[in-house]
Amino acid sequence: MEGKQTLTVYGAGLAGCEAAWQAAKRGVIVKLYEMKPEKYTPAHHSPAFAELVCSNSLRSDSLANAVGLLKEELRRMGSLIMEAADATRVPAGSALAVDREKFSAYITEKITAHPNIEVIAAEADRVEEGQITVIATGPLTSDAMADYITKELGCDGLHFFDAAAPIVDAESINMDVAFFASRYDKGDADYINCPMTEEQYNAFWQALITAEEAELKAFDREEQKKLKVFEGCMPVEVMARRGHDTLLFGPLKPVGLIDKRVGKQAYAVVQLRKENREGTMYNLVGFQTHLTFPEQRRVFRMIPGLENAEFLRYGIMHRNTYLNSPELLNDCYEMKSKEGVYFAGQMTGVEGYIESAGSGLVAGINAARRLLGQEPLRFPRTTMLGAMANYVAWGGVSAFVPMNANFGIIEPLSHRVRGGKAAKNEALSHRALEEIERIKEELE
């Protein structure tokens, strides 16, 4: 081990473990800092690494599903997280679910047994100067480390209560009902507008004010009180409860939006705004929400034109710790202003277990390659690993928000595919996996 280059990784969650593993198996010595079991966040309870704090489901395993593609890309790239998941899976239909205790134990054993990885059980409040580093301390990063990242590394706006509206797949919007227009015809007709009659609005309003909200964790409740976000970023259901007509003067204001097919203004209009340059994703303007995901699907599909909407991400309101990554990171998850400092996991703006592991894989590979004097490995946007890295590096056309793996961020096909959406998604997946195989051959 003497004379070998050293990588320092902070955080032994899914992203940190994946980054450490990818570097270690390339011959790099890794120092992995993890504050457990000395200290726990409010969401963590097990001393094991890669603890699954929410569901034990890693979601779909189908290549017609974006996260299914991401999982297969990770498998082919030698992911420790996927190795553990496949070894500890439990029956869950078409989804990949795991025995959470065996899953974490598997990863912990692999990490602690690797001869190139030294685990240091200590809370870190700064990174070692001059060291190539991967910071993967998660959405509940300690206040001390968050303060260091903000002040010393210059990552402003790191720690806040996050509020984001749902995003839907553009192809799932019924354009026989919805129409393109901008208010008062000012500028380009960039918004998709979903018109409502008075009867439709009344039914929607009633459903919205009685819908079930997600339960806030204790630390989220405290953060919500501290930051007082609701006036400046009010959940749509809270706004609706202030009165029957409140939304008609807010996000559902119909004034200046004429559907030229009928030549008149609707009683209410829900507007959707482009989420990416290609126009494959749209967000519901003003619809930040704290409803449960099933309730969002039920209630928001009552909006005319969204009756069959495919939600690429649901609205969220919770404490989060993530970077304004398009200003700070490149598509290797490395800081643009500080070479050799990489981030991985939810802090970068990826959302979900597998997405976190994917960012850890890309960051870990590239940190190791930097240490070994090799050129960075940039995954193309035709792969899901590359599409996520590009979203983190460049964002969309609106404010940057965390994103799950979805086909809306991947580079579109250059040709049409018959057979519907599933066939198109499978074609995107096959193209991506061909790229992954090419990358593997180049690395051998």
Protein backbone atom coordinates (compact mmCIF):
# COMPACT_ATOMS: atom_id res chain seq x y z
CA MET A 1 0.00 0.00 0.00
CA GLU A 2 2.98 2.28 0.53
CA GLY A 3 3.40 4.88 -2.19
CA LYS A 4 -0.12 4.44 -3.56
CA GLN A 5 -2.36 7.45 -4.10
CA THR A 6 -5.10 8.07 -1.53
CA LEU A 7 -8.72 9.10 -2.02
CA THR A 8 -10.77 10.43 0.91
CA VAL A 9 -14.52 9.70 0.87
CA TYR A 10 -16.89 11.28 3.39
CA GLY A 11 -20.07 9.35 4.12
CA ALA A 12 -20.78 5.60 3.92
CA GLY A 13 -24.26 5.79 2.46
CA LEU A 14 -25.06 4.26 -0.91
CA ALA A 15 -23.17 6.93 -2.85
CA GLY A 16 -20.11 6.98 -0.60
CA CYS A 17 -19.81 3.19 -0.51
CA GLU A 18 -20.13 2.97 -4.28
CA ALA A 19 -17.52 5.70 -4.79
CA ALA A 20 -15.11 4.03 -2.36
CA TRP A 21 -15.61 0.63 -3.99
CA GLN A 22 -15.06 1.90 -7.52
CA ALA A 23 -11.83 3.62 -6.52
CA ALA A 24 -10.54 0.74 -4.39
CA LYS A 25 -10.97 -1.88 -7.09
CA ARG A 26 -8.90 0.34 -9.41
CA GLY A 27 -5.99 0.09 -7.01
CA VAL A 28 -6.52 3.38 -5.16
CA ILE A 29 -6.21 3.51 -1.36
CA VAL A 30 -9.43 4.91 0.15
CA LYS A 31 -9.98 6.52 3.54
CA LEU A 32 -13.72 6.31 4.18
CA TYR A 33 -15.06 8.57 6.95
CA GLU A 34 -18.40 7.64 8.53
CA MET A 35 -19.72 9.23 11.73
CA LYS A 36 -21.83 6.19 12.67
CA PRO A 37 -21.84 4.62 15.22
CA GLU A 38 -20.36 7.61 17.06
CA LYS A 39 -23.23 9.84 15.91
CA TYR A 40 -26.53 9.34 14.05
CA THR A 41 -28.75 11.63 12.02
CA PRO A 42 -32.46 11.77 13.02
CA ALA A 43 -33.26 9.34 10.17
CA HIS A 44 -30.54 6.73 10.78
CA HIS A 45 -30.60 3.96 13.38
CA SER A 46 -28.32 1.15 12.20
CA PRO A 47 -24.51 1.16 12.51
CA ALA A 48 -24.31 -0.61 9.12
CA PHE A 49 -23.32 1.19 5.92
CA ALA A 50 -25.73 2.03 3.06
CA GLU A 51 -28.72 2.06 5.42
CA LEU A 52 -32.07 2.21 3.63
CA VAL A 53 -33.96 4.75 5.74
CA CYS A 54 -37.25 4.68 3.82
CA SER A 55 -38.61 1.90 1.62
CA ASN A 56 -36.79 -1.37 0.97
CA SER A 57 -37.87 -1.15 -2.68
CA LEU A 58 -35.35 -0.12 -5.32
CA ARG A 59 -38.24 0.23 -7.79
CA SER A 60 -38.76 -1.33 -11.21
CA ASP A 61 -36.34 -3.78 -12.78
CA SER A 62 -37.83 -3.43 -16.28
CA LEU A 63 -35.88 -1.94 -19.19
CA ALA A 64 -39.06 -0.07 -20.14
CA ASN A 65 -38.54 1.89 -16.91
CA ALA A 66 -35.78 4.49 -16.48
CA VAL A 67 -34.60 3.24 -13.09
CA GLY A 68 -34.61 -0.29 -14.47
CA LEU A 69 -32.19 0.88 -17.16
CA LEU A 70 -30.04 2.64 -14.56
CA LYS A 71 -29.85 -0.54 -12.49
CA GLU A 72 -28.71 -2.57 -15.50
CA GLU A 73 -26.08 0.04 -16.41
CA LEU A 74 -24.78 -0.15 -12.84
CA ARG A 75 -24.69 -3.94 -12.91
CA ARG A 76 -22.62 -3.90 -16.07
CA MET A 77 -20.24 -1.31 -14.62
CA GLY A 78 -19.55 -3.50 -11.58
CA SER A 79 -21.64 -1.68 -8.98
CA LEU A 80 -21.32 -2.88 -5.38
CA ILE A 81 -24.81 -1.55 -4.59
CA MET A 82 -26.38 -3.64 -7.35
CA GLU A 83 -24.31 -6.69 -6.38
CA ALA A 84 -25.69 -6.36 -2.85
CA ALA A 85 -29.24 -5.76 -4.05
CA ASP A 86 -29.25 -8.82 -6.31
CA ALA A 87 -27.78 -10.94 -3.51
CA THR A 88 -30.38 -9.89 -0.93
CA ARG A 89 -33.51 -9.43 -3.03
CA VAL A 90 -36.95 -10.46 -1.78
CA PRO A 91 -40.08 -11.21 -3.89
CA ALA A 92 -41.68 -7.98 -5.13
CA GLY A 93 -43.17 -8.69 -8.54
CA SER A 94 -41.50 -6.64 -11.28
CA ALA A 95 -39.74 -4.44 -8.71
CA LEU A 96 -36.39 -5.07 -7.05
CA ALA A 97 -36.84 -5.08 -3.28
CA VAL A 98 -34.27 -6.17 -0.72
CA ASP A 99 -33.96 -7.41 2.83
CA ARG A 100 -32.72 -4.09 4.17
CA GLU A 101 -30.66 -5.53 7.02
CA LYS A 102 -28.95 -8.14 4.83
CA PHE A 103 -28.42 -5.53 2.11
CA SER A 104 -26.60 -3.14 4.46
CA ALA A 105 -24.69 -5.99 6.10
CA TYR A 106 -23.50 -7.24 2.71
CA ILE A 107 -22.15 -3.82 1.74
CA THR A 108 -20.59 -3.23 5.17
CA GLU A 109 -18.75 -6.56 5.01
CA LYS A 110 -17.48 -5.91 1.48
CA ILE A 111 -16.26 -2.40 2.31
CA THR A 112 -14.58 -3.28 5.61
CA ALA A 113 -12.92 -6.39 4.12
CA HIS A 114 -11.41 -4.65 1.10
CA PRO A 115 -7.65 -4.29 1.56
CA ASN A 116 -7.59 -0.88 -0.12
CA ILE A 117 -10.27 0.70 2.13
CA GLU A 118 -9.64 2.08 5.61
CA VAL A 119 -12.84 2.98 7.51
CA ILE A 120 -12.54 5.86 9.98
CA ALA A 121 -15.44 6.12 12.46
CA ALA A 122 -15.51 9.86 13.05
CA GLU A 123 -17.65 12.87 12.22
CA ALA A 124 -15.94 15.16 9.74
CA ASP A 125 -16.55 18.89 9.72
CA ARG A 126 -14.16 19.68 6.85
CA VAL A 127 -12.23 17.93 4.09
CA GLU A 128 -8.51 17.28 4.16
CA GLU A 129 -6.66 19.96 2.21
CA GLY A 130 -4.72 18.73 -0.79
CA GLN A 131 -6.56 15.37 -0.90
CA ILE A 132 -8.63 14.14 -3.82
CA THR A 133 -12.03 13.92 -2.14
CA VAL A 134 -15.57 12.64 -2.65
CA ILE A 135 -18.17 14.28 -0.38
CA ALA A 136 -21.20 12.01 -0.03
CA THR A 137 -22.63 13.04 3.32
CA GLY A 138 -26.26 12.91 2.22
CA PRO A 139 -29.41 15.03 2.52
CA LEU A 140 -29.03 15.17 6.32
CA THR A 141 -25.45 16.39 6.27
CA SER A 142 -24.40 17.62 9.72
CA ASP A 143 -24.63 21.35 10.34
CA ALA A 144 -20.84 21.57 10.78
CA MET A 145 -20.07 19.92 7.44
CA ALA A 146 -22.84 21.87 5.69
CA ASP A 147 -21.38 25.08 7.08
CA TYR A 148 -17.91 24.12 5.83
CA ILE A 149 -19.22 23.23 2.36
CA THR A 150 -21.09 26.51 2.15
CA LYS A 151 -18.42 28.83 3.48
CA GLU A 152 -15.09 27.18 2.68
CA LEU A 153 -15.99 25.53 -0.62
CA GLY A 154 -18.23 28.39 -1.75
CA CYS A 155 -21.35 26.30 -2.30
CA ASP A 156 -24.06 28.84 -1.49
CA GLY A 157 -27.65 27.80 -0.83
CA LEU A 158 -26.76 24.31 0.35
CA HIS A 159 -29.18 23.72 3.21
CA PHE A 160 -32.85 24.61 3.02
CA PHE A 161 -36.42 23.41 3.08
CA ASP A 162 -37.08 22.13 -0.42
CA ALA A 163 -40.34 22.70 -2.28
CA ALA A 164 -40.85 21.47 -5.82
CA ALA A 165 -43.84 20.99 -8.10
CA PRO A 166 -44.60 17.69 -9.86
CA ILE A 167 -43.08 17.04 -13.29
CA VAL A 168 -44.91 15.07 -15.96
CA ASP A 169 -43.88 13.40 -19.20
CA ALA A 170 -44.84 15.66 -22.11
CA GLU A 171 -46.02 12.69 -24.18
CA SER A 172 -48.59 11.80 -21.53
CA ILE A 173 -50.37 15.18 -21.74
CA ASN A 174 -53.62 15.06 -23.71
CA MET A 175 -53.19 17.87 -26.26
CA ASP A 176 -56.71 17.31 -27.55
CA VAL A 177 -57.71 19.06 -24.32
CA ALA A 178 -54.66 21.16 -23.40
CA PHE A 179 -53.32 23.97 -25.59
CA PHE A 180 -50.17 26.03 -26.04
CA ALA A 181 -50.38 29.74 -25.16
CA SER A 182 -48.69 32.47 -23.16
CA ARG A 183 -50.68 34.94 -21.08
CA TYR A 184 -51.98 37.80 -23.24
CA ASP A 185 -50.04 36.21 -26.16
CA LYS A 186 -46.86 37.84 -24.86
CA GLY A 187 -43.72 36.17 -26.17
CA ASP A 188 -43.70 32.62 -27.50
CA ALA A 189 -46.51 30.22 -26.65
CA ASP A 190 -44.27 28.16 -24.37
CA TYR A 191 -46.80 27.12 -21.74
CA ILE A 192 -49.14 24.15 -21.96
CA ASN A 193 -52.51 25.18 -20.54
CA CYS A 194 -55.13 22.83 -19.10
CA PRO A 195 -58.56 24.56 -19.09
CA MET A 196 -61.25 23.83 -16.50
CA THR A 197 -64.96 24.47 -16.48
CA GLU A 198 -66.56 25.70 -13.25
CA GLU A 199 -67.85 22.20 -12.55
CA GLN A 200 -64.41 20.66 -13.09
CA TYR A 201 -62.77 23.28 -10.89
CA ASN A 202 -65.25 22.71 -8.07
CA ALA A 203 -64.60 18.95 -8.11
CA PHE A 204 -60.83 19.48 -8.24
CA TRP A 205 -60.89 22.04 -5.42
CA GLN A 206 -62.94 19.73 -3.19
CA ALA A 207 -60.57 16.80 -3.86
CA LEU A 208 -57.52 18.98 -3.21
CA ILE A 209 -58.61 20.38 0.16
CA THR A 210 -59.54 16.91 1.47
CA ALA A 211 -56.55 14.99 0.07
CA GLU A 212 -54.15 13.20 2.41
CA GLU A 213 -50.88 14.93 3.22
CA ALA A 214 -47.59 13.13 3.80
CA GLU A 215 -46.54 12.93 7.43
CA LEU A 216 -43.64 15.22 8.26
CA LYS A 217 -40.74 13.68 10.16
CA ALA A 218 -39.84 15.46 13.39
CA PHE A 219 -36.72 17.03 11.92
CA ASP A 220 -38.72 18.27 8.92
CA ARG A 221 -41.28 19.89 11.25
CA GLU A 222 -38.53 21.71 13.09
CA GLU A 223 -36.91 22.82 9.83
CA GLN A 224 -40.26 24.03 8.53
CA LYS A 225 -40.78 26.17 11.63
CA LYS A 226 -37.26 27.56 11.49
CA LEU A 227 -37.34 28.54 7.84
CA LYS A 228 -40.97 29.70 7.67
CA VAL A 229 -41.24 28.70 4.02
CA PHE A 230 -44.97 28.41 3.61
CA GLU A 231 -45.80 32.03 2.88
CA GLY A 232 -43.13 32.32 0.20
CA CYS A 233 -43.59 28.81 -1.16
CA MET A 234 -47.03 27.68 -0.08
CA PRO A 235 -48.28 24.17 -0.84
CA VAL A 236 -51.11 24.31 -3.36
CA GLU A 237 -53.45 22.41 -1.00
CA VAL A 238 -52.82 24.95 1.80
CA MET A 239 -53.55 27.79 -0.60
CA ALA A 240 -56.78 26.07 -1.68
CA ARG A 241 -57.97 25.76 1.93
CA ARG A 242 -57.85 29.53 2.31
CA GLY A 243 -60.98 29.79 0.21
CA HIS A 244 -62.81 28.46 -2.83
CA ASP A 245 -61.55 31.24 -5.13
CA THR A 246 -57.98 31.59 -3.84
CA LEU A 247 -56.46 29.44 -6.60
CA LEU A 248 -58.38 31.42 -9.23
CA PHE A 249 -56.28 34.45 -8.29
CA GLY A 250 -53.11 32.38 -7.96
CA PRO A 251 -51.71 29.46 -9.99
CA LEU A 252 -55.05 28.69 -11.70
CA LYS A 253 -55.70 32.28 -12.83
CA PRO A 254 -57.32 32.09 -16.31
CA VAL A 255 -56.94 35.77 -17.26
CA GLY A 256 -55.29 36.35 -20.62
CA LEU A 257 -55.23 32.69 -21.64
CA ILE A 258 -57.52 32.17 -24.62
CA ASP A 259 -57.98 28.75 -26.15
CA LYS A 260 -58.18 29.75 -29.82
CA ARG A 261 -59.97 26.51 -30.66
CA VAL A 262 -63.02 27.77 -28.75
CA GLY A 263 -62.25 31.49 -28.70
CA LYS A 264 -62.87 32.10 -25.02
CA GLN A 265 -61.33 32.08 -21.60
CA ALA A 266 -61.83 29.04 -19.32
CA TYR A 267 -63.09 29.26 -15.73
CA ALA A 268 -59.66 28.15 -14.46
CA VAL A 269 -56.38 27.15 -16.12
CA VAL A 270 -53.50 25.03 -14.87
CA GLN A 271 -50.25 25.99 -16.60
CA LEU A 272 -47.36 23.65 -17.32
CA ARG A 273 -43.87 24.97 -17.99
CA LYS A 274 -41.00 23.32 -19.84
CA GLU A 275 -38.57 21.59 -17.49
CA ASN A 276 -35.86 20.86 -20.06
CA ARG A 277 -34.72 22.30 -23.37
CA GLU A 278 -36.08 19.41 -25.40
CA GLY A 279 -39.59 19.88 -24.00
CA THR A 280 -39.93 16.25 -22.94
CA MET A 281 -40.79 17.24 -19.35
CA TYR A 282 -43.19 19.85 -17.95
CA ASN A 283 -43.77 21.02 -14.38
CA LEU A 284 -47.12 22.11 -12.93
CA VAL A 285 -46.62 25.81 -12.24
CA GLY A 286 -47.32 26.76 -8.63
CA PHE A 287 -48.08 23.18 -7.57
CA GLN A 288 -45.50 22.62 -4.87
CA THR A 289 -47.27 20.22 -2.55
CA HIS A 290 -47.04 18.05 0.51
CA LEU A 291 -49.68 15.53 -0.57
CA THR A 292 -48.77 11.85 -0.53
CA PHE A 293 -47.62 10.52 -3.89
CA PRO A 294 -50.78 8.41 -4.48
CA GLU A 295 -52.94 11.45 -3.67
CA GLN A 296 -50.95 13.62 -6.08
CA ARG A 297 -51.54 11.06 -8.81
CA ARG A 298 -55.27 10.84 -8.01
CA VAL A 299 -56.02 14.54 -7.56
CA PHE A 300 -53.77 16.03 -10.24
CA ARG A 301 -55.09 13.58 -12.83
CA MET A 302 -58.46 15.32 -12.34
CA ILE A 303 -56.96 18.25 -14.24
CA PRO A 304 -58.27 18.14 -17.83
CA GLY A 305 -55.46 17.03 -20.13
CA LEU A 306 -53.61 15.25 -17.32
CA GLU A 307 -56.00 12.34 -16.90
CA ASN A 308 -53.29 9.91 -18.05
CA ALA A 309 -50.29 11.95 -16.90
CA GLU A 310 -47.09 10.04 -16.21
CA PHE A 311 -45.35 11.64 -13.22
CA LEU A 312 -41.58 11.75 -13.68
CA ARG A 313 -41.26 13.20 -10.20
CA TYR A 314 -43.83 14.07 -7.57
CA GLY A 315 -44.04 17.33 -5.70
CA ILE A 316 -42.07 17.47 -2.48
CA MET A 317 -41.69 19.69 0.57
CA HIS A 318 -39.07 18.57 3.05
CA ARG A 319 -35.71 19.44 4.50
CA ASN A 320 -33.05 18.81 1.90
CA THR A 321 -29.38 19.46 1.49
CA TYR A 322 -28.32 19.82 -2.10
CA LEU A 323 -26.15 22.00 -4.25
CA ASN A 324 -27.12 24.35 -7.01
CA SER A 325 -25.12 21.86 -9.04
CA PRO A 326 -25.27 23.43 -12.52
CA GLU A 327 -23.29 26.38 -11.15
CA LEU A 328 -20.86 24.22 -9.19
CA LEU A 329 -20.32 20.75 -10.68
CA ASN A 330 -19.32 19.29 -14.03
CA ASP A 331 -20.60 16.05 -15.57
CA CYS A 332 -18.05 14.03 -13.56
CA TYR A 333 -19.58 15.42 -10.31
CA GLU A 334 -16.37 17.41 -9.77
CA MET A 335 -16.35 21.02 -8.60
CA LYS A 336 -15.71 23.42 -11.48
CA SER A 337 -13.82 25.82 -9.23
CA LYS A 338 -11.86 23.30 -7.15
CA GLU A 339 -10.29 20.42 -9.04
CA GLY A 340 -10.17 17.12 -7.19
CA VAL A 341 -13.23 17.77 -5.01
CA TYR A 342 -16.16 15.58 -6.07
CA PHE A 343 -19.68 15.29 -4.69
CA ALA A 344 -21.97 12.27 -4.85
CA GLY A 345 -25.44 11.25 -3.72
CA GLN A 346 -28.56 13.31 -3.08
CA MET A 347 -26.47 16.37 -2.28
CA THR A 348 -25.81 16.69 -6.03
CA GLY A 349 -29.50 16.81 -6.95
CA VAL A 350 -30.07 13.17 -7.86
CA GLU A 351 -33.09 11.71 -6.09
CA GLY A 352 -33.43 8.10 -4.99
CA TYR A 353 -31.39 5.14 -3.80
CA ILE A 354 -30.20 3.91 -7.20
CA GLU A 355 -29.62 7.42 -8.53
CA SER A 356 -27.38 8.10 -5.51
CA ALA A 357 -25.42 4.94 -6.20
CA GLY A 358 -25.08 5.98 -9.86
CA SER A 359 -23.61 9.33 -8.93
CA GLY A 360 -21.24 7.58 -6.53
CA LEU A 361 -20.06 5.27 -9.27
CA VAL A 362 -19.32 8.15 -11.67
CA ALA A 363 -17.64 10.27 -8.99
CA GLY A 364 -15.62 7.35 -7.63
CA ILE A 365 -14.37 6.27 -11.05
CA ASN A 366 -13.38 9.80 -11.96
CA ALA A 367 -11.71 10.56 -8.64
CA ALA A 368 -9.65 7.39 -9.07
CA ARG A 369 -8.78 8.26 -12.66
CA ARG A 370 -7.59 11.71 -11.56
CA LEU A 371 -5.34 10.10 -8.94
CA LEU A 372 -3.99 7.66 -11.52
CA GLY A 373 -3.26 10.40 -14.05
CA GLN A 374 -5.95 9.25 -16.48
CA GLU A 375 -8.44 11.26 -18.51
CA PRO A 376 -11.93 11.65 -16.98
CA LEU A 377 -14.65 9.19 -18.00
CA ARG A 378 -17.69 11.09 -19.23
CA PHE A 379 -20.73 8.93 -19.77
CA PRO A 380 -22.72 10.04 -22.86
CA ARG A 381 -26.25 11.42 -22.46
CA THR A 382 -27.53 8.40 -24.37
CA THR A 383 -26.96 6.45 -21.12
CA MET A 384 -28.91 7.03 -17.92
CA LEU A 385 -25.68 7.48 -15.97
CA GLY A 386 -24.66 10.17 -18.45
CA ALA A 387 -28.12 11.76 -18.59
CA MET A 388 -28.16 12.18 -14.80
CA ALA A 389 -24.62 13.59 -14.78
CA ASN A 390 -25.54 16.04 -17.54
CA TYR A 391 -28.69 17.13 -15.69
CA VAL A 392 -26.59 17.79 -12.59
CA ALA A 393 -24.02 19.73 -14.64
CA TRP A 394 -26.39 21.76 -16.82
CA GLY A 395 -29.87 21.57 -15.27
CA GLY A 396 -33.01 22.39 -17.23
CA VAL A 397 -34.50 25.69 -18.26
CA SER A 398 -36.06 26.53 -14.88
CA ALA A 399 -34.74 26.50 -11.31
CA PHE A 400 -32.65 23.44 -10.54
CA VAL A 401 -34.49 20.80 -8.50
CA PRO A 402 -33.55 17.21 -7.58
CA MET A 403 -34.52 14.62 -10.16
CA ASN A 404 -35.08 10.87 -10.33
CA ALA A 405 -33.84 8.85 -13.28
CA ASN A 406 -36.35 9.29 -16.11
CA PHE A 407 -36.41 9.05 -19.88
CA GLY A 408 -37.13 12.77 -20.15
CA ILE A 409 -33.49 13.64 -19.43
CA ILE A 410 -31.91 11.07 -21.75
CA GLU A 411 -30.98 12.06 -25.31
CA PRO A 412 -33.99 11.36 -27.58
CA LEU A 413 -33.87 8.75 -30.31
CA SER A 414 -33.14 9.98 -33.83
CA HIS A 415 -35.99 7.87 -35.21
CA ARG A 416 -39.57 7.00 -34.32
CA VAL A 417 -40.37 3.64 -32.73
CA ARG A 418 -43.65 1.85 -33.27
CA GLY A 419 -45.39 0.05 -30.45
CA GLY A 420 -46.06 2.82 -27.99
CA LYS A 421 -44.19 4.26 -25.05
CA ALA A 422 -42.88 0.97 -23.65
CA ALA A 423 -41.35 0.06 -27.01
CA LYS A 424 -39.72 3.49 -27.27
CA ASN A 425 -38.32 3.23 -23.76
CA GLU A 426 -36.93 -0.22 -24.43
CA ALA A 427 -35.26 1.12 -27.59
CA LEU A 428 -33.68 3.90 -25.50
CA SER A 429 -32.50 1.25 -23.03
CA HIS A 430 -30.97 -1.01 -25.68
CA ARG A 431 -29.10 1.96 -27.16
CA ALA A 432 -27.84 2.91 -23.68
CA LEU A 433 -26.62 -0.59 -22.89
CA GLU A 434 -24.75 -0.76 -26.20
CA GLU A 435 -22.96 2.43 -25.12
CA ILE A 436 -22.15 0.90 -21.72
CA GLU A 437 -20.65 -2.15 -23.40
CA ARG A 438 -18.55 0.12 -25.63
CA ILE A 439 -17.30 2.02 -22.57
CA LYS A 440 -16.40 -1.23 -20.81
CA GLU A 441 -14.41 -2.40 -23.83
CA GLU A 442 -12.49 0.89 -23.94
CA LEU A 443 -11.64 0.60 -20.25
CA GLU A 444 -10.28 -2.95 -20.53
